[in-house]
PDB file of N, CA and C in Angstrom:
ATOM      1  N   MET A   1      86.561  96.434 103.888  1.00  0.00           N
ATOM      2  CA  MET A   1      87.357  97.492 103.324  1.00  0.00           C
ATOM      3  C   MET A   1      86.949  97.756 101.876  1.00  0.00           C
ATOM      4  N   VAL A   2      86.740  96.683 101.125  1.00  0.00           N
ATOM      5  CA  VAL A   2      86.351  96.842  99.724  1.00  0.00           C
ATOM      6  C   VAL A   2      84.954  97.459  99.621  1.00  0.00           C
ATOM      7  N   ILE A   3      84.077  97.102 100.525  1.00  0.00           N
ATOM      8  CA  ILE A   3      82.722  97.661 100.503  1.00  0.00           C
ATOM      9  C   ILE A   3      82.767  99.159 100.785  1.00  0.00           C
ATOM     10  N   LEU A   4      83.576  99.571 101.736  1.00  0.00           N
ATOM     11  CA  LEU A   4      83.694 100.997 102.034  1.00  0.00           C
ATOM     12  C   LEU A   4      84.270 101.773 100.852  1.00  0.00           C
ATOM     13  N   ILE A   5      85.212 101.184 100.153  1.00  0.00           N
ATOM     14  CA  ILE A   5      85.781 101.831  98.972  1.00  0.00           C
ATOM     15  C   ILE A   5      84.744 101.911  97.858  1.00  0.00           C
ATOM     16  N   THR A   6      83.882 100.907  97.756  1.00  0.00           N
ATOM     17  CA  THR A   6      82.854 100.890  96.721  1.00  0.00           C
ATOM     18  C   THR A   6      81.742 101.886  97.008  1.00  0.00           C
ATOM     19  N   LEU A   7      81.489 102.185  98.263  1.00  0.00           N
ATOM     20  CA  LEU A   7      80.412 103.109  98.607  1.00  0.00           C
ATOM     21  C   LEU A   7      80.673 104.536  98.116  1.00  0.00           C
ATOM     22  N   MET A   8      81.921 104.932  98.054  1.00  0.00           N
ATOM     23  CA  MET A   8      82.213 106.297  97.632  1.00  0.00           C
ATOM     24  C   MET A   8      81.795 106.548  96.181  1.00  0.00           C
ATOM     25  N   PRO A   9      82.163 105.710  95.217  1.00  0.00           N
ATOM     26  CA  PRO A   9      81.671 105.956  93.854  1.00  0.00           C
ATOM     27  C   PRO A   9      80.147 105.822  93.741  1.00  0.00           C
ATOM     28  N   LEU A  10      79.544 104.979  94.587  1.00  0.00           N
ATOM     29  CA  LEU A  10      78.090 104.852  94.547  1.00  0.00           C
ATOM     30  C   LEU A  10      77.397 106.148  94.962  1.00  0.00           C
ATOM     31  N   SER A  11      78.088 106.969  95.738  1.00  0.00           N
ATOM     32  CA  SER A  11      77.507 108.253  96.123  1.00  0.00           C
ATOM     33  C   SER A  11      77.372 109.188  94.921  1.00  0.00           C
ATOM     34  N   LEU A  12      78.081 108.912  93.843  1.00  0.00           N
ATOM     35  CA  LEU A  12      77.962 109.718  92.630  1.00  0.00           C
ATOM     36  C   LEU A  12      76.619 109.525  91.938  1.00  0.00           C
ATOM     37  N   LEU A  13      75.923 108.448  92.258  1.00  0.00           N
ATOM     38  CA  LEU A  13      74.619 108.205  91.643  1.00  0.00           C
ATOM     39  C   LEU A  13      73.598 109.264  92.035  1.00  0.00           C
ATOM     40  N   ILE A  14      73.840 109.973  93.127  1.00  0.00           N
ATOM     41  CA  ILE A  14      72.909 111.005  93.583  1.00  0.00           C
ATOM     42  C   ILE A  14      72.842 112.152  92.572  1.00  0.00           C
ATOM     43  N   GLY A  15      73.994 112.566  92.058  1.00  0.00           N
ATOM     44  CA  GLY A  15      74.008 113.726  91.192  1.00  0.00           C
ATOM     45  C   GLY A  15      74.397 113.449  89.759  1.00  0.00           C
ATOM     46  N   GLY A  16      74.696 112.227  89.409  1.00  0.00           N
ATOM     47  CA  GLY A  16      75.153 111.957  88.052  1.00  0.00           C
ATOM     48  C   GLY A  16      74.982 110.509  87.678  1.00  0.00           C
ATOM     49  N   GLU A  17      75.709 110.116  86.650  1.00  0.00           N
ATOM     50  CA  GLU A  17      75.651 108.740  86.161  1.00  0.00           C
ATOM     51  C   GLU A  17      76.944 108.020  86.495  1.00  0.00           C
ATOM     52  N   LEU A  18      76.840 106.723  86.536  1.00  0.00           N
ATOM     53  CA  LEU A  18      77.990 105.903  86.902  1.00  0.00           C
ATOM     54  C   LEU A  18      77.926 104.620  86.094  1.00  0.00           C
ATOM     55  N   ASP A  19      79.054 104.178  85.592  1.00  0.00           N
ATOM     56  CA  ASP A  19      79.134 102.911  84.878  1.00  0.00           C
ATOM     57  C   ASP A  19      79.207 101.793  85.916  1.00  0.00           C
ATOM     58  N   LEU A  20      78.069 101.155  86.169  1.00  0.00           N
ATOM     59  CA  LEU A  20      78.003 100.128  87.207  1.00  0.00           C
ATOM     60  C   LEU A  20      78.788  98.872  86.839  1.00  0.00           C
ATOM     61  N   GLY A  21      78.903  98.577  85.552  1.00  0.00           N
ATOM     62  CA  GLY A  21      79.697  97.423  85.125  1.00  0.00           C
ATOM     63  C   GLY A  21      81.169  97.605  85.440  1.00  0.00           C
ATOM     64  N   LYS A  22      81.666  98.799  85.166  1.00  0.00           N
ATOM     65  CA  LYS A  22      83.066  99.105  85.474  1.00  0.00           C
ATOM     66  C   LYS A  22      83.310  99.109  86.987  1.00  0.00           C
ATOM     67  N   LEU A  23      82.345  99.633  87.730  1.00  0.00           N
ATOM     68  CA  LEU A  23      82.456  99.621  89.194  1.00  0.00           C
ATOM     69  C   LEU A  23      82.466  98.192  89.723  1.00  0.00           C
ATOM     70  N   PHE A  24      81.605  97.322  89.171  1.00  0.00           N
ATOM     71  CA  PHE A  24      81.580  95.922  89.588  1.00  0.00           C
ATOM     72  C   PHE A  24      82.906  95.236  89.267  1.00  0.00           C
ATOM     73  N   ALA A  25      83.441  95.482  88.061  1.00  0.00           N
ATOM     74  CA  ALA A  25      84.712  94.851  87.667  1.00  0.00           C
ATOM     75  C   ALA A  25      85.844  95.309  88.579  1.00  0.00           C
ATOM     76  N   ASN A  26      85.889  96.595  88.889  1.00  0.00           N
ATOM     77  CA  ASN A  26      86.942  97.096  89.782  1.00  0.00           C
ATOM     78  C   ASN A  26      86.793  96.547  91.195  1.00  0.00           C
ATOM     79  N   SER A  27      85.553  96.467  91.676  1.00  0.00           N
ATOM     80  CA  SER A  27      85.323  95.913  93.022  1.00  0.00           C
ATOM     81  C   SER A  27      85.698  94.443  93.080  1.00  0.00           C
ATOM     82  N   LEU A  28      85.352  93.693  92.044  1.00  0.00           N
ATOM     83  CA  LEU A  28      85.705  92.272  91.987  1.00  0.00           C
ATOM     84  C   LEU A  28      87.215  92.100  91.943  1.00  0.00           C
ATOM     85  N   ALA A  29      87.882  92.904  91.120  1.00  0.00           N
ATOM     86  CA  ALA A  29      89.336  92.803  91.017  1.00  0.00           C
ATOM     87  C   ALA A  29      90.006  93.129  92.348  1.00  0.00           C
ATOM     88  N   LEU A  30      89.531  94.178  92.996  1.00  0.00           N
ATOM     89  CA  LEU A  30      90.115  94.560  94.286  1.00  0.00           C
ATOM     90  C   LEU A  30      89.849  93.503  95.350  1.00  0.00           C
ATOM     91  N   MET A  31      88.648  92.927  95.341  1.00  0.00           N
ATOM     92  CA  MET A  31      88.328  91.894  96.324  1.00  0.00           C
ATOM     93  C   MET A  31      89.199  90.651  96.116  1.00  0.00           C
ATOM     94  N   LEU A  32      89.399  90.257  94.863  1.00  0.00           N
ATOM     95  CA  LEU A  32      90.253  89.096  94.596  1.00  0.00           C
ATOM     96  C   LEU A  32      91.705  89.376  94.973  1.00  0.00           C
ATOM     97  N   LEU A  33      92.184  90.580  94.700  1.00  0.00           N
ATOM     98  CA  LEU A  33      93.566  90.926  95.038  1.00  0.00           C
ATOM     99  C   LEU A  33      93.773  90.966  96.552  1.00  0.00           C
ATOM    100  N   VAL A  34      92.845  91.568  97.269  1.00  0.00           N
ATOM    101  CA  VAL A  34      92.950  91.634  98.730  1.00  0.00           C
ATOM    102  C   VAL A  34      92.888  90.226  99.331  1.00  0.00           C
ATOM    103  N   THR A  35      92.018  89.387  98.797  1.00  0.00           N
ATOM    104  CA  THR A  35      91.912  88.012  99.293  1.00  0.00           C
ATOM    105  C   THR A  35      93.188  87.226  99.006  1.00  0.00           C
ATOM    106  N   ALA A  36      93.780  87.435  97.835  1.00  0.00           N
ATOM    107  CA  ALA A  36      95.041  86.756  97.511  1.00  0.00           C
ATOM    108  C   ALA A  36      96.158  87.220  98.444  1.00  0.00           C
ATOM    109  N   PHE A  37      96.211  88.518  98.716  1.00  0.00           N
ATOM    110  CA  PHE A  37      97.226  89.026  99.643  1.00  0.00           C
ATOM    111  C   PHE A  37      97.007  88.472 101.047  1.00  0.00           C
ATOM    112  N   ALA A  38      95.751  88.384 101.471  1.00  0.00           N
ATOM    113  CA  ALA A  38      95.448  87.855 102.807  1.00  0.00           C
ATOM    114  C   ALA A  38      95.802  86.369 102.895  1.00  0.00           C
ATOM    115  N   ALA A  39      95.546  85.612 101.828  1.00  0.00           N
ATOM    116  CA  ALA A  39      95.893  84.188 101.832  1.00  0.00           C
ATOM    117  C   ALA A  39      97.406  84.005 101.903  1.00  0.00           C
ATOM    118  N   THR A  40      98.138  84.863 101.218  1.00  0.00           N
ATOM    119  CA  THR A  40      99.602  84.806 101.289  1.00  0.00           C
ATOM    120  C   THR A  40     100.084  85.127 102.703  1.00  0.00           C
ATOM    121  N   GLY A  41      99.503  86.150 103.313  1.00  0.00           N
ATOM    122  CA  GLY A  41      99.859  86.511 104.683  1.00  0.00           C
ATOM    123  C   GLY A  41      99.502  85.418 105.675  1.00  0.00           C
ATOM    124  N   LEU A  42      98.373  84.775 105.465  1.00  0.00           N
ATOM    125  CA  LEU A  42      97.958  83.675 106.337  1.00  0.00           C
ATOM    126  C   LEU A  42      98.949  82.520 106.259  1.00  0.00           C
ATOM    127  N   PHE A  43      99.382  82.196 105.054  1.00  0.00           N
ATOM    128  CA  PHE A  43     100.355  81.116 104.898  1.00  0.00           C
ATOM    129  C   PHE A  43     101.673  81.461 105.585  1.00  0.00           C
ATOM    130  N   MET A  44     102.144  82.682 105.365  1.00  0.00           N
ATOM    131  CA  MET A  44     103.409  83.062 105.997  1.00  0.00           C
ATOM    132  C   MET A  44     103.271  83.106 107.519  1.00  0.00           C
ATOM    133  N   SER A  45     102.122  83.481 108.016  1.00  0.00           N
ATOM    134  CA  SER A  45     101.901  83.475 109.465  1.00  0.00           C
ATOM    135  C   SER A  45     101.879  82.064 110.024  1.00  0.00           C
ATOM    136  N   SER A  46     101.422  81.107 109.217  1.00  0.00           N
ATOM    137  CA  SER A  46     101.358  79.725 109.706  1.00  0.00           C
ATOM    138  C   SER A  46     102.728  79.056 109.742  1.00  0.00           C
ATOM    139  N   ILE A  47     103.666  79.530 108.927  1.00  0.00           N
ATOM    140  CA  ILE A  47     104.985  78.894 108.945  1.00  0.00           C
ATOM    141  C   ILE A  47     106.009  79.692 109.747  1.00  0.00           C
ATOM    142  N   ALA A  48     105.727  80.951 110.028  1.00  0.00           N
ATOM    143  CA  ALA A  48     106.683  81.781 110.775  1.00  0.00           C
ATOM    144  C   ALA A  48     106.310  81.780 112.252  1.00  0.00           C
ATOM    145  N   GLY A  49     107.316  81.862 113.074  1.00  0.00           N
ATOM    146  CA  GLY A  49     107.083  81.888 114.508  1.00  0.00           C
ATOM    147  C   GLY A  49     106.848  83.278 115.069  1.00  0.00           C
ATOM    148  N   HIS A  50     107.215  84.280 114.324  1.00  0.00           N
ATOM    149  CA  HIS A  50     107.120  85.657 114.807  1.00  0.00           C
ATOM    150  C   HIS A  50     106.353  86.493 113.782  1.00  0.00           C
ATOM    151  N   PRO A  51     105.481  87.389 114.223  1.00  0.00           N
ATOM    152  CA  PRO A  51     104.687  88.179 113.279  1.00  0.00           C
ATOM    153  C   PRO A  51     105.522  89.057 112.339  1.00  0.00           C
ATOM    154  N   THR A  52     106.645  89.551 112.823  1.00  0.00           N
ATOM    155  CA  THR A  52     107.489  90.389 111.971  1.00  0.00           C
ATOM    156  C   THR A  52     108.091  89.577 110.833  1.00  0.00           C
ATOM    157  N   VAL A  53     108.493  88.360 111.136  1.00  0.00           N
ATOM    158  CA  VAL A  53     109.041  87.476 110.108  1.00  0.00           C
ATOM    159  C   VAL A  53     107.958  87.135 109.090  1.00  0.00           C
ATOM    160  N   ALA A  54     106.741  86.901 109.561  1.00  0.00           N
ATOM    161  CA  ALA A  54     105.632  86.606 108.656  1.00  0.00           C
ATOM    162  C   ALA A  54     105.333  87.800 107.756  1.00  0.00           C
ATOM    163  N   ALA A  55     105.353  89.003 108.317  1.00  0.00           N
ATOM    164  CA  ALA A  55     105.089  90.202 107.516  1.00  0.00           C
ATOM    165  C   ALA A  55     106.170  90.407 106.465  1.00  0.00           C
ATOM    166  N   MET A  56     107.416  90.226 106.849  1.00  0.00           N
ATOM    167  CA  MET A  56     108.504  90.394 105.881  1.00  0.00           C
ATOM    168  C   MET A  56     108.474  89.303 104.811  1.00  0.00           C
ATOM    169  N   GLY A  57     108.127  88.080 105.196  1.00  0.00           N
ATOM    170  CA  GLY A  57     108.009  86.995 104.221  1.00  0.00           C
ATOM    171  C   GLY A  57     106.873  87.240 103.238  1.00  0.00           C
ATOM    172  N   THR A  58     105.757  87.728 103.745  1.00  0.00           N
ATOM    173  CA  THR A  58     104.630  88.053 102.876  1.00  0.00           C
ATOM    174  C   THR A  58     105.015  89.166 101.914  1.00  0.00           C
ATOM    175  N   PHE A  59     105.673  90.192 102.437  1.00  0.00           N
ATOM    176  CA  PHE A  59     106.132  91.278 101.582  1.00  0.00           C
ATOM    177  C   PHE A  59     107.084  90.753 100.517  1.00  0.00           C
ATOM    178  N   GLY A  60     107.964  89.825 100.880  1.00  0.00           N
ATOM    179  CA  GLY A  60     108.913  89.254  99.923  1.00  0.00           C
ATOM    180  C   GLY A  60     108.225  88.476  98.817  1.00  0.00           C
ATOM    181  N   ILE A  61     107.232  87.669  99.172  1.00  0.00           N
ATOM    182  CA  ILE A  61     106.501  86.903  98.158  1.00  0.00           C
ATOM    183  C   ILE A  61     105.748  87.838  97.219  1.00  0.00           C
ATOM    184  N   LEU A  62     105.081  88.844  97.780  1.00  0.00           N
ATOM    185  CA  LEU A  62     104.329  89.772  96.941  1.00  0.00           C
ATOM    186  C   LEU A  62     105.258  90.638  96.088  1.00  0.00           C
ATOM    187  N   LEU A  63     106.431  90.966  96.623  1.00  0.00           N
ATOM    188  CA  LEU A  63     107.419  91.696  95.832  1.00  0.00           C
ATOM    189  C   LEU A  63     107.925  90.839  94.676  1.00  0.00           C
ATOM    190  N   LEU A  64     108.122  89.555  94.926  1.00  0.00           N
ATOM    191  CA  LEU A  64     108.541  88.642  93.869  1.00  0.00           C
ATOM    192  C   LEU A  64     107.495  88.579  92.763  1.00  0.00           C
ATOM    193  N   LEU A  65     106.225  88.529  93.135  1.00  0.00           N
ATOM    194  CA  LEU A  65     105.174  88.509  92.124  1.00  0.00           C
ATOM    195  C   LEU A  65     105.117  89.817  91.338  1.00  0.00           C
ATOM    196  N   TRP A  66     105.432  90.937  91.989  1.00  0.00           N
ATOM    197  CA  TRP A  66     105.484  92.208  91.293  1.00  0.00           C
ATOM    198  C   TRP A  66     106.672  92.255  90.334  1.00  0.00           C
ATOM    199  N   ILE A  67     107.807  91.711  90.761  1.00  0.00           N
ATOM    200  CA  ILE A  67     108.991  91.673  89.902  1.00  0.00           C
ATOM    201  C   ILE A  67     108.738  90.777  88.698  1.00  0.00           C
ATOM    202  N   LEU A  68     107.964  89.699  88.876  1.00  0.00           N
ATOM    203  CA  LEU A  68     107.601  88.864  87.735  1.00  0.00           C
ATOM    204  C   LEU A  68     106.820  89.667  86.703  1.00  0.00           C
ATOM    205  N   ASP A  69     105.943  90.540  87.162  1.00  0.00           N
ATOM    206  CA  ASP A  69     105.206  91.398  86.245  1.00  0.00           C
ATOM    207  C   ASP A  69     106.148  92.359  85.540  1.00  0.00           C
ATOM    208  N   TRP A  70     107.079  92.885  86.270  1.00  0.00           N
ATOM    209  CA  TRP A  70     108.054  93.812  85.706  1.00  0.00           C
ATOM    210  C   TRP A  70     108.937  93.094  84.683  1.00  0.00           C
ATOM    211  N   THR A  71     109.349  91.861  84.996  1.00  0.00           N
ATOM    212  CA  THR A  71     110.191  91.078  84.100  1.00  0.00           C
ATOM    213  C   THR A  71     109.424  90.683  82.842  1.00  0.00           C
ATOM    214  N   ALA A  72     108.148  90.364  82.995  1.00  0.00           N
ATOM    215  CA  ALA A  72     107.344  89.979  81.833  1.00  0.00           C
ATOM    216  C   ALA A  72     107.147  91.147  80.881  1.00  0.00           C
ATOM    217  N   GLY A  73     107.234  92.369  81.381  1.00  0.00           N
ATOM    218  CA  GLY A  73     107.038  93.543  80.546  1.00  0.00           C
ATOM    219  C   GLY A  73     108.278  94.002  79.810  1.00  0.00           C
ATOM    220  N   MET A  74     109.416  93.384  80.060  1.00  0.00           N
ATOM    221  CA  MET A  74     110.647  93.784  79.369  1.00  0.00           C
ATOM    222  C   MET A  74     110.544  93.415  77.891  1.00  0.00           C
ATOM    223  N   LYS A  75     111.053  94.275  77.039  1.00  0.00           N
ATOM    224  CA  LYS A  75     110.929  94.072  75.600  1.00  0.00           C
ATOM    225  C   LYS A  75     111.881  93.013  75.076  1.00  0.00           C
ATOM    226  N   ASP A  76     113.006  92.838  75.733  1.00  0.00           N
ATOM    227  CA  ASP A  76     113.995  91.876  75.248  1.00  0.00           C
ATOM    228  C   ASP A  76     113.550  90.439  75.473  1.00  0.00           C
ATOM    229  N   GLN A  77     112.800  90.204  76.530  1.00  0.00           N
ATOM    230  CA  GLN A  77     112.414  88.840  76.882  1.00  0.00           C
ATOM    231  C   GLN A  77     110.895  88.716  76.843  1.00  0.00           C
ATOM    232  N   ASP A  78     110.407  87.798  76.050  1.00  0.00           N
ATOM    233  CA  ASP A  78     108.981  87.500  76.035  1.00  0.00           C
ATOM    234  C   ASP A  78     108.780  86.147  76.719  1.00  0.00           C
ATOM    235  N   SER A  79     108.475  86.189  77.976  1.00  0.00           N
ATOM    236  CA  SER A  79     108.264  84.969  78.731  1.00  0.00           C
ATOM    237  C   SER A  79     106.788  84.850  79.093  1.00  0.00           C
ATOM    238  N   GLU A  80     106.122  83.920  78.464  1.00  0.00           N
ATOM    239  CA  GLU A  80     104.697  83.719  78.754  1.00  0.00           C
ATOM    240  C   GLU A  80     104.493  83.172  80.161  1.00  0.00           C
ATOM    241  N   LEU A  81     105.460  82.421  80.661  1.00  0.00           N
ATOM    242  CA  LEU A  81     105.351  81.883  82.018  1.00  0.00           C
ATOM    243  C   LEU A  81     105.352  83.010  83.051  1.00  0.00           C
ATOM    244  N   PHE A  82     106.295  83.946  82.922  1.00  0.00           N
ATOM    245  CA  PHE A  82     106.336  85.081  83.849  1.00  0.00           C
ATOM    246  C   PHE A  82     105.084  85.924  83.737  1.00  0.00           C
ATOM    247  N   GLU A  83     104.598  86.090  82.522  1.00  0.00           N
ATOM    248  CA  GLU A  83     103.391  86.893  82.320  1.00  0.00           C
ATOM    249  C   GLU A  83     102.189  86.212  82.965  1.00  0.00           C
ATOM    250  N   TYR A  84     102.116  84.876  82.867  1.00  0.00           N
ATOM    251  CA  TYR A  84     100.996  84.173  83.472  1.00  0.00           C
ATOM    252  C   TYR A  84     101.082  84.163  84.996  1.00  0.00           C
ATOM    253  N   LEU A  85     102.277  84.057  85.549  1.00  0.00           N
ATOM    254  CA  LEU A  85     102.442  84.011  87.000  1.00  0.00           C
ATOM    255  C   LEU A  85     102.269  85.370  87.663  1.00  0.00           C
ATOM    256  N   SER A  86     102.316  86.426  86.889  1.00  0.00           N
ATOM    257  CA  SER A  86     102.204  87.771  87.442  1.00  0.00           C
ATOM    258  C   SER A  86     100.786  88.027  87.940  1.00  0.00           C
ATOM    259  N   ILE A  87     100.671  88.367  89.209  1.00  0.00           N
ATOM    260  CA  ILE A  87      99.358  88.609  89.802  1.00  0.00           C
ATOM    261  C   ILE A  87      98.780  89.940  89.316  1.00  0.00           C
ATOM    262  N   LEU A  88      99.651  90.898  88.998  1.00  0.00           N
ATOM    263  CA  LEU A  88      99.172  92.205  88.561  1.00  0.00           C
ATOM    264  C   LEU A  88      98.576  92.175  87.160  1.00  0.00           C
ATOM    265  N   ARG A  89      99.060  91.295  86.292  1.00  0.00           N
ATOM    266  CA  ARG A  89      98.482  91.179  84.947  1.00  0.00           C
ATOM    267  C   ARG A  89      97.023  90.723  85.037  1.00  0.00           C
ATOM    268  N   HIS A  90      96.781  89.740  85.888  1.00  0.00           N
ATOM    269  CA  HIS A  90      95.417  89.235  86.047  1.00  0.00           C
ATOM    270  C   HIS A  90      94.529  90.285  86.705  1.00  0.00           C
ATOM    271  N   PHE A  91      95.083  91.012  87.669  1.00  0.00           N
ATOM    272  CA  PHE A  91      94.334  92.079  88.322  1.00  0.00           C
ATOM    273  C   PHE A  91      93.966  93.175  87.325  1.00  0.00           C
ATOM    274  N   GLN A  92      94.917  93.576  86.503  1.00  0.00           N
ATOM    275  CA  GLN A  92      94.666  94.648  85.543  1.00  0.00           C
ATOM    276  C   GLN A  92      93.662  94.239  84.475  1.00  0.00           C
ATOM    277  N   ASN A  93      93.672  92.968  84.087  1.00  0.00           N
ATOM    278  CA  ASN A  93      92.678  92.505  83.116  1.00  0.00           C
ATOM    279  C   ASN A  93      91.263  92.627  83.672  1.00  0.00           C
ATOM    280  N   ILE A  94      91.070  92.189  84.897  1.00  0.00           N
ATOM    281  CA  ILE A  94      89.744  92.271  85.513  1.00  0.00           C
ATOM    282  C   ILE A  94      89.374  93.721  85.778  1.00  0.00           C
ATOM    283  N   GLN A  95      90.330  94.506  86.221  1.00  0.00           N
ATOM    284  CA  GLN A  95      90.075  95.901  86.548  1.00  0.00           C
ATOM    285  C   GLN A  95      89.665  96.702  85.318  1.00  0.00           C
ATOM    286  N   SER A  96      90.194  96.341  84.171  1.00  0.00           N
ATOM    287  CA  SER A  96      89.840  97.071  82.956  1.00  0.00           C
ATOM    288  C   SER A  96      88.488  96.648  82.400  1.00  0.00           C
ATOM    289  N   GLY A  97      87.858  95.668  83.025  1.00  0.00           N
ATOM    290  CA  GLY A  97      86.533  95.244  82.600  1.00  0.00           C
ATOM    291  C   GLY A  97      86.527  93.945  81.816  1.00  0.00           C
ATOM    292  N   LEU A  98      87.683  93.369  81.578  1.00  0.00           N
ATOM    293  CA  LEU A  98      87.777  92.112  80.844  1.00  0.00           C
ATOM    294  C   LEU A  98      87.746  90.947  81.834  1.00  0.00           C
ATOM    295  N   ILE A  99      86.563  90.612  82.277  1.00  0.00           N
ATOM    296  CA  ILE A  99      86.428  89.527  83.255  1.00  0.00           C
ATOM    297  C   ILE A  99      86.519  88.208  82.504  1.00  0.00           C
ATOM    298  N   SER A 100      87.625  87.535  82.703  1.00  0.00           N
ATOM    299  CA  SER A 100      87.924  86.290  81.994  1.00  0.00           C
ATOM    300  C   SER A 100      87.984  85.139  82.992  1.00  0.00           C
ATOM    301  N   SER A 101      87.596  83.966  82.530  1.00  0.00           N
ATOM    302  CA  SER A 101      87.648  82.795  83.407  1.00  0.00           C
ATOM    303  C   SER A 101      89.093  82.427  83.747  1.00  0.00           C
ATOM    304  N   VAL A 102      90.032  82.766  82.879  1.00  0.00           N
ATOM    305  CA  VAL A 102      91.446  82.492  83.151  1.00  0.00           C
ATOM    306  C   VAL A 102      91.918  83.335  84.333  1.00  0.00           C
ATOM    307  N   ASP A 103      91.548  84.605  84.347  1.00  0.00           N
ATOM    308  CA  ASP A 103      91.970  85.489  85.435  1.00  0.00           C
ATOM    309  C   ASP A 103      91.284  85.131  86.750  1.00  0.00           C
ATOM    310  N   ILE A 104      89.990  84.856  86.693  1.00  0.00           N
ATOM    311  CA  ILE A 104      89.263  84.439  87.901  1.00  0.00           C
ATOM    312  C   ILE A 104      89.824  83.121  88.414  1.00  0.00           C
ATOM    313  N   GLY A 105      90.080  82.189  87.493  1.00  0.00           N
ATOM    314  CA  GLY A 105      90.652  80.892  87.874  1.00  0.00           C
ATOM    315  C   GLY A 105      92.031  81.035  88.492  1.00  0.00           C
ATOM    316  N   TYR A 106      92.846  81.949  87.967  1.00  0.00           N
ATOM    317  CA  TYR A 106      94.171  82.189  88.531  1.00  0.00           C
ATOM    318  C   TYR A 106      94.050  82.609  89.989  1.00  0.00           C
ATOM    319  N   PHE A 107      93.175  83.578  90.252  1.00  0.00           N
ATOM    320  CA  PHE A 107      93.013  84.040  91.629  1.00  0.00           C
ATOM    321  C   PHE A 107      92.451  82.936  92.521  1.00  0.00           C
ATOM    322  N   LEU A 108      91.494  82.166  92.022  1.00  0.00           N
ATOM    323  CA  LEU A 108      90.924  81.099  92.844  1.00  0.00           C
ATOM    324  C   LEU A 108      91.956  80.022  93.162  1.00  0.00           C
ATOM    325  N   VAL A 109      92.775  79.669  92.177  1.00  0.00           N
ATOM    326  CA  VAL A 109      93.841  78.676  92.418  1.00  0.00           C
ATOM    327  C   VAL A 109      94.885  79.240  93.379  1.00  0.00           C
ATOM    328  N   PHE A 110      95.246  80.506  93.208  1.00  0.00           N
ATOM    329  CA  PHE A 110      96.217  81.163  94.075  1.00  0.00           C
ATOM    330  C   PHE A 110      95.724  81.179  95.517  1.00  0.00           C
ATOM    331  N   ILE A 111      94.481  81.620  95.714  1.00  0.00           N
ATOM    332  CA  ILE A 111      93.912  81.721  97.059  1.00  0.00           C
ATOM    333  C   ILE A 111      93.756  80.341  97.681  1.00  0.00           C
ATOM    334  N   THR A 112      93.188  79.413  96.929  1.00  0.00           N
ATOM    335  CA  THR A 112      92.981  78.056  97.436  1.00  0.00           C
ATOM    336  C   THR A 112      94.307  77.377  97.749  1.00  0.00           C
ATOM    337  N   GLY A 113      95.291  77.583  96.899  1.00  0.00           N
ATOM    338  CA  GLY A 113      96.606  76.976  97.129  1.00  0.00           C
ATOM    339  C   GLY A 113      97.247  77.456  98.421  1.00  0.00           C
ATOM    340  N   PHE A 114      97.238  78.752  98.648  1.00  0.00           N
ATOM    341  CA  PHE A 114      97.854  79.270  99.870  1.00  0.00           C
ATOM    342  C   PHE A 114      97.047  78.901 101.111  1.00  0.00           C
ATOM    343  N   ILE A 115      95.736  78.832 100.999  1.00  0.00           N
ATOM    344  CA  ILE A 115      94.938  78.406 102.159  1.00  0.00           C
ATOM    345  C   ILE A 115      95.179  76.935 102.465  1.00  0.00           C
ATOM    346  N   LEU A 116      95.265  76.103 101.424  1.00  0.00           N
ATOM    347  CA  LEU A 116      95.550  74.683 101.653  1.00  0.00           C
ATOM    348  C   LEU A 116      96.957  74.484 102.220  1.00  0.00           C
ATOM    349  N   LEU A 117      97.917  75.267 101.748  1.00  0.00           N
ATOM    350  CA  LEU A 117      99.257  75.189 102.323  1.00  0.00           C
ATOM    351  C   LEU A 117      99.253  75.611 103.789  1.00  0.00           C
ATOM    352  N   SER A 118      98.445  76.595 104.128  1.00  0.00           N
ATOM    353  CA  SER A 118      98.324  77.032 105.527  1.00  0.00           C
ATOM    354  C   SER A 118      97.728  75.931 106.388  1.00  0.00           C
ATOM    355  N   ILE A 119      96.678  75.295 105.894  1.00  0.00           N
ATOM    356  CA  ILE A 119      96.036  74.205 106.634  1.00  0.00           C
ATOM    357  C   ILE A 119      97.018  73.056 106.828  1.00  0.00           C
ATOM    358  N   ARG A 120      97.752  72.734 105.789  1.00  0.00           N
ATOM    359  CA  ARG A 120      98.728  71.647 105.875  1.00  0.00           C
ATOM    360  C   ARG A 120      99.833  71.975 106.886  1.00  0.00           C
ATOM    361  N   SER A 121     100.284  73.210 106.872  1.00  0.00           N
ATOM    362  CA  SER A 121     101.326  73.623 107.815  1.00  0.00           C
ATOM    363  C   SER A 121     100.819  73.575 109.253  1.00  0.00           C
ATOM    364  N   LEU A 122      99.610  74.047 109.478  1.00  0.00           N
ATOM    365  CA  LEU A 122      99.047  74.020 110.831  1.00  0.00           C
ATOM    366  C   LEU A 122      98.779  72.593 111.288  1.00  0.00           C
ATOM    367  N   ASP A 123      98.354  71.710 110.376  1.00  0.00           N
ATOM    368  CA  ASP A 123      98.158  70.306 110.750  1.00  0.00           C
ATOM    369  C   ASP A 123      99.473  69.639 111.098  1.00  0.00           C
ATOM    370  N   LYS A 124     100.536  69.966 110.355  1.00  0.00           N
ATOM    371  CA  LYS A 124     101.842  69.415 110.651  1.00  0.00           C
ATOM    372  C   LYS A 124     102.321  69.849 112.037  1.00  0.00           C
ATOM    373  N   ASP A 125     102.123  71.119 112.364  1.00  0.00           N
ATOM    374  CA  ASP A 125     102.498  71.607 113.691  1.00  0.00           C
ATOM    375  C   ASP A 125     101.677  70.950 114.790  1.00  0.00           C
ATOM    376  N   ARG A 126     100.393  70.762 114.529  1.00  0.00           N
ATOM    377  CA  ARG A 126      99.516  70.151 115.519  1.00  0.00           C
ATOM    378  C   ARG A 126      99.887  68.693 115.770  1.00  0.00           C
ATOM    379  N   LEU A 127     100.252  67.974 114.709  1.00  0.00           N
ATOM    380  CA  LEU A 127     100.593  66.552 114.863  1.00  0.00           C
ATOM    381  C   LEU A 127     101.961  66.356 115.506  1.00  0.00           C
ATOM    382  N   GLN A 128     102.839  67.331 115.398  1.00  0.00           N
ATOM    383  CA  GLN A 128     104.160  67.216 116.012  1.00  0.00           C
ATOM    384  C   GLN A 128     104.108  67.421 117.515  1.00  0.00           C
ATOM    385  N   ARG A 129     103.056  68.047 118.022  1.00  0.00           N
ATOM    386  CA  ARG A 129     102.965  68.314 119.467  1.00  0.00           C
ATOM    387  C   ARG A 129     102.298  67.217 120.185  1.00  0.00           C
TER     388      ARG A 129
END
């Protein structure tokens, strides 16, 4: 999906110029975000018995992460913890071209954590049978 989205701006190279660095940063940010969402969905699918429950649980977790971003942006409260936990802050940093090891590390820890939780949940189910 990300490759197909990236091909459209690449078609602009035929008739004009394109900032390839910005395109790479946006593609990387989108790929990390999609992978993080998929890892969250995989985890919820491994603990839920029904696909609808897994979809709603995934939506709930991702909504919570969005609300953390919204809460971190409030002027009355400056919470560095909420700002760091917000997945959209890290996505926007990479998308704007500021590829930082902190943002990449956040996504890698997020993805790895949910995949490991999925593996652990599936192993627990397998050992109980």
